[in-house]
Amino acid sequence: MLLTLGPLKCPYSMSTTQTKMTSTYQLNALDVSYNGWNNYETWNVALWINNSEGLYHLAQECGCYEEFVNSLPKNAKTRDGVKYNDPKVNVVQINSDVFDF
């Protein structure tokens, strides 16, 4: 006997809303603790620069993170809410890993 099922329907509806963000802090200069990055802020900024075509091309034109930040509107943020000029962003790591064209 062959059993045929129609289209499957999910009885649950899911929605996700992020209401607050967590941060990690670098406790040691040699500590690489967030997905291979020094902290969440550095990882998030690198993620957006590397995965947003417009930001990536702007980064190539600027050549270094400091010029990149200066070319953005004051207090510009990633879509996750991290400010590009956040003092927790490890500029040395961003320059060596993201701006190494």
C-alpha atoms as a PDB file:
ATOM      1  CA  MET A   1       0.000   0.000   0.000  1.00  0.00           C
ATOM      2  CA  LEU A   2       1.347   3.468  -0.951  1.00  0.00           C
ATOM      3  CA  LEU A   3       0.638   6.364   1.396  1.00  0.00           C
ATOM      4  CA  THR A   4       0.636   9.844  -0.133  1.00  0.00           C
ATOM      5  CA  LEU A   5       0.845  12.918   2.048  1.00  0.00           C
ATOM      6  CA  GLY A   6      -0.196  16.379   0.975  1.00  0.00           C
ATOM      7  CA  PRO A   7       1.865  19.502   1.666  1.00  0.00           C
ATOM      8  CA  LEU A   8       3.132  19.713   5.223  1.00  0.00           C
ATOM      9  CA  LYS A   9       2.067  22.682   7.283  1.00  0.00           C
ATOM     10  CA  CYS A  10       3.827  23.958  10.341  1.00  0.00           C
ATOM     11  CA  PRO A  11       1.349  24.354  13.206  1.00  0.00           C
ATOM     12  CA  TYR A  12       3.581  26.887  14.923  1.00  0.00           C
ATOM     13  CA  SER A  13       4.412  30.390  13.890  1.00  0.00           C
ATOM     14  CA  MET A  14       7.810  31.633  14.871  1.00  0.00           C
ATOM     15  CA  SER A  15       9.007  35.149  15.215  1.00  0.00           C
ATOM     16  CA  THR A  16      12.223  36.395  16.671  1.00  0.00           C
ATOM     17  CA  THR A  17      12.726  39.836  18.039  1.00  0.00           C
ATOM     18  CA  GLN A  18      15.997  40.970  19.482  1.00  0.00           C
ATOM     19  CA  THR A  19      15.343  43.348  22.308  1.00  0.00           C
ATOM     20  CA  LYS A  20      18.817  43.756  23.719  1.00  0.00           C
ATOM     21  CA  MET A  21      22.329  42.962  22.738  1.00  0.00           C
ATOM     22  CA  THR A  22      25.008  41.353  24.805  1.00  0.00           C
ATOM     23  CA  SER A  23      28.621  42.403  24.743  1.00  0.00           C
ATOM     24  CA  THR A  24      31.839  40.634  25.511  1.00  0.00           C
ATOM     25  CA  TYR A  25      34.876  42.400  26.833  1.00  0.00           C
ATOM     26  CA  GLN A  26      38.516  41.766  26.087  1.00  0.00           C
ATOM     27  CA  LEU A  27      40.246  40.893  29.334  1.00  0.00           C
ATOM     28  CA  ASN A  28      43.697  40.216  27.918  1.00  0.00           C
ATOM     29  CA  ALA A  29      45.435  41.666  24.848  1.00  0.00           C
ATOM     30  CA  LEU A  30      46.267  38.137  23.660  1.00  0.00           C
ATOM     31  CA  ASP A  31      42.745  36.824  24.232  1.00  0.00           C
ATOM     32  CA  VAL A  32      40.990  35.982  20.968  1.00  0.00           C
ATOM     33  CA  SER A  33      37.624  35.069  22.359  1.00  0.00           C
ATOM     34  CA  TYR A  34      34.812  35.795  19.888  1.00  0.00           C
ATOM     35  CA  ASN A  35      34.782  33.636  16.751  1.00  0.00           C
ATOM     36  CA  GLY A  36      38.493  34.278  16.268  1.00  0.00           C
ATOM     37  CA  TRP A  37      38.131  38.003  16.996  1.00  0.00           C
ATOM     38  CA  ASN A  38      39.043  39.938  20.131  1.00  0.00           C
ATOM     39  CA  ASN A  39      35.445  40.732  21.060  1.00  0.00           C
ATOM     40  CA  TYR A  40      31.892  40.945  19.781  1.00  0.00           C
ATOM     41  CA  GLU A  41      32.228  44.540  18.581  1.00  0.00           C
ATOM     42  CA  THR A  42      35.306  43.798  16.443  1.00  0.00           C
ATOM     43  CA  TRP A  43      33.723  40.636  15.028  1.00  0.00           C
ATOM     44  CA  ASN A  44      30.457  42.417  14.206  1.00  0.00           C
ATOM     45  CA  VAL A  45      32.142  45.345  12.436  1.00  0.00           C
ATOM     46  CA  ALA A  46      34.337  42.965  10.425  1.00  0.00           C
ATOM     47  CA  LEU A  47      31.277  40.871   9.559  1.00  0.00           C
ATOM     48  CA  TRP A  48      29.412  43.847   8.126  1.00  0.00           C
ATOM     49  CA  ILE A  49      32.372  45.250   6.202  1.00  0.00           C
ATOM     50  CA  ASN A  50      33.181  41.861   4.674  1.00  0.00           C
ATOM     51  CA  ASN A  51      29.583  40.940   3.835  1.00  0.00           C
ATOM     52  CA  SER A  52      28.066  44.203   2.646  1.00  0.00           C
ATOM     53  CA  GLU A  53      29.120  45.039  -0.903  1.00  0.00           C
ATOM     54  CA  GLY A  54      28.838  48.807  -0.441  1.00  0.00           C
ATOM     55  CA  LEU A  55      30.818  48.818   2.793  1.00  0.00           C
ATOM     56  CA  TYR A  56      33.424  46.487   1.310  1.00  0.00           C
ATOM     57  CA  HIS A  57      34.019  48.782  -1.668  1.00  0.00           C
ATOM     58  CA  LEU A  58      34.182  51.806   0.634  1.00  0.00           C
ATOM     59  CA  ALA A  59      36.743  49.986   2.783  1.00  0.00           C
ATOM     60  CA  GLN A  60      38.851  49.273  -0.311  1.00  0.00           C
ATOM     61  CA  GLU A  61      38.764  52.956  -1.282  1.00  0.00           C
ATOM     62  CA  CYS A  62      39.698  54.101   2.232  1.00  0.00           C
ATOM     63  CA  GLY A  63      42.545  51.649   2.755  1.00  0.00           C
ATOM     64  CA  CYS A  64      42.476  51.647   6.573  1.00  0.00           C
ATOM     65  CA  TYR A  65      39.848  51.464   9.291  1.00  0.00           C
ATOM     66  CA  GLU A  66      40.438  54.981  10.613  1.00  0.00           C
ATOM     67  CA  GLU A  67      39.730  56.540   7.184  1.00  0.00           C
ATOM     68  CA  PHE A  68      36.762  54.213   6.747  1.00  0.00           C
ATOM     69  CA  VAL A  69      35.207  55.385  10.035  1.00  0.00           C
ATOM     70  CA  ASN A  70      35.891  59.034   9.163  1.00  0.00           C
ATOM     71  CA  SER A  71      34.085  58.594   5.838  1.00  0.00           C
ATOM     72  CA  LEU A  72      30.906  57.355   7.560  1.00  0.00           C
ATOM     73  CA  PRO A  73      28.287  59.590   9.192  1.00  0.00           C
ATOM     74  CA  LYS A  74      29.086  60.351  12.825  1.00  0.00           C
ATOM     75  CA  ASN A  75      28.002  57.508  15.143  1.00  0.00           C
ATOM     76  CA  ALA A  76      27.126  55.206  12.230  1.00  0.00           C
ATOM     77  CA  LYS A  77      26.191  51.699  13.378  1.00  0.00           C
ATOM     78  CA  THR A  78      26.065  48.216  11.946  1.00  0.00           C
ATOM     79  CA  ARG A  79      22.573  46.793  11.533  1.00  0.00           C
ATOM     80  CA  ASP A  80      23.210  44.980  14.798  1.00  0.00           C
ATOM     81  CA  GLY A  81      23.671  48.280  16.628  1.00  0.00           C
ATOM     82  CA  VAL A  82      27.459  48.345  17.047  1.00  0.00           C
ATOM     83  CA  LYS A  83      28.948  51.786  16.425  1.00  0.00           C
ATOM     84  CA  TYR A  84      31.807  51.755  13.939  1.00  0.00           C
ATOM     85  CA  ASN A  85      33.634  54.224  16.206  1.00  0.00           C
ATOM     86  CA  ASP A  86      33.069  52.102  19.348  1.00  0.00           C
ATOM     87  CA  PRO A  87      36.267  52.184  21.432  1.00  0.00           C
ATOM     88  CA  LYS A  88      35.948  48.396  21.980  1.00  0.00           C
ATOM     89  CA  VAL A  89      36.577  47.752  18.256  1.00  0.00           C
ATOM     90  CA  ASN A  90      40.130  46.455  17.915  1.00  0.00           C
ATOM     91  CA  VAL A  91      41.411  48.745  15.147  1.00  0.00           C
ATOM     92  CA  VAL A  92      44.729  46.892  14.815  1.00  0.00           C
ATOM     93  CA  GLN A  93      42.957  43.583  14.212  1.00  0.00           C
ATOM     94  CA  ILE A  94      40.461  45.133  11.777  1.00  0.00           C
ATOM     95  CA  ASN A  95      43.286  46.770   9.804  1.00  0.00           C
ATOM     96  CA  SER A  96      45.301  43.561   9.606  1.00  0.00           C
ATOM     97  CA  ASP A  97      42.415  41.196   8.867  1.00  0.00           C
ATOM     98  CA  VAL A  98      39.861  43.274   6.967  1.00  0.00           C
ATOM     99  CA  PHE A  99      41.909  45.981   5.272  1.00  0.00           C
ATOM    100  CA  ASP A 100      44.583  43.592   3.989  1.00  0.00           C
ATOM    101  CA  PHE A 101      43.648  43.871   0.289  1.00  0.00           C
END
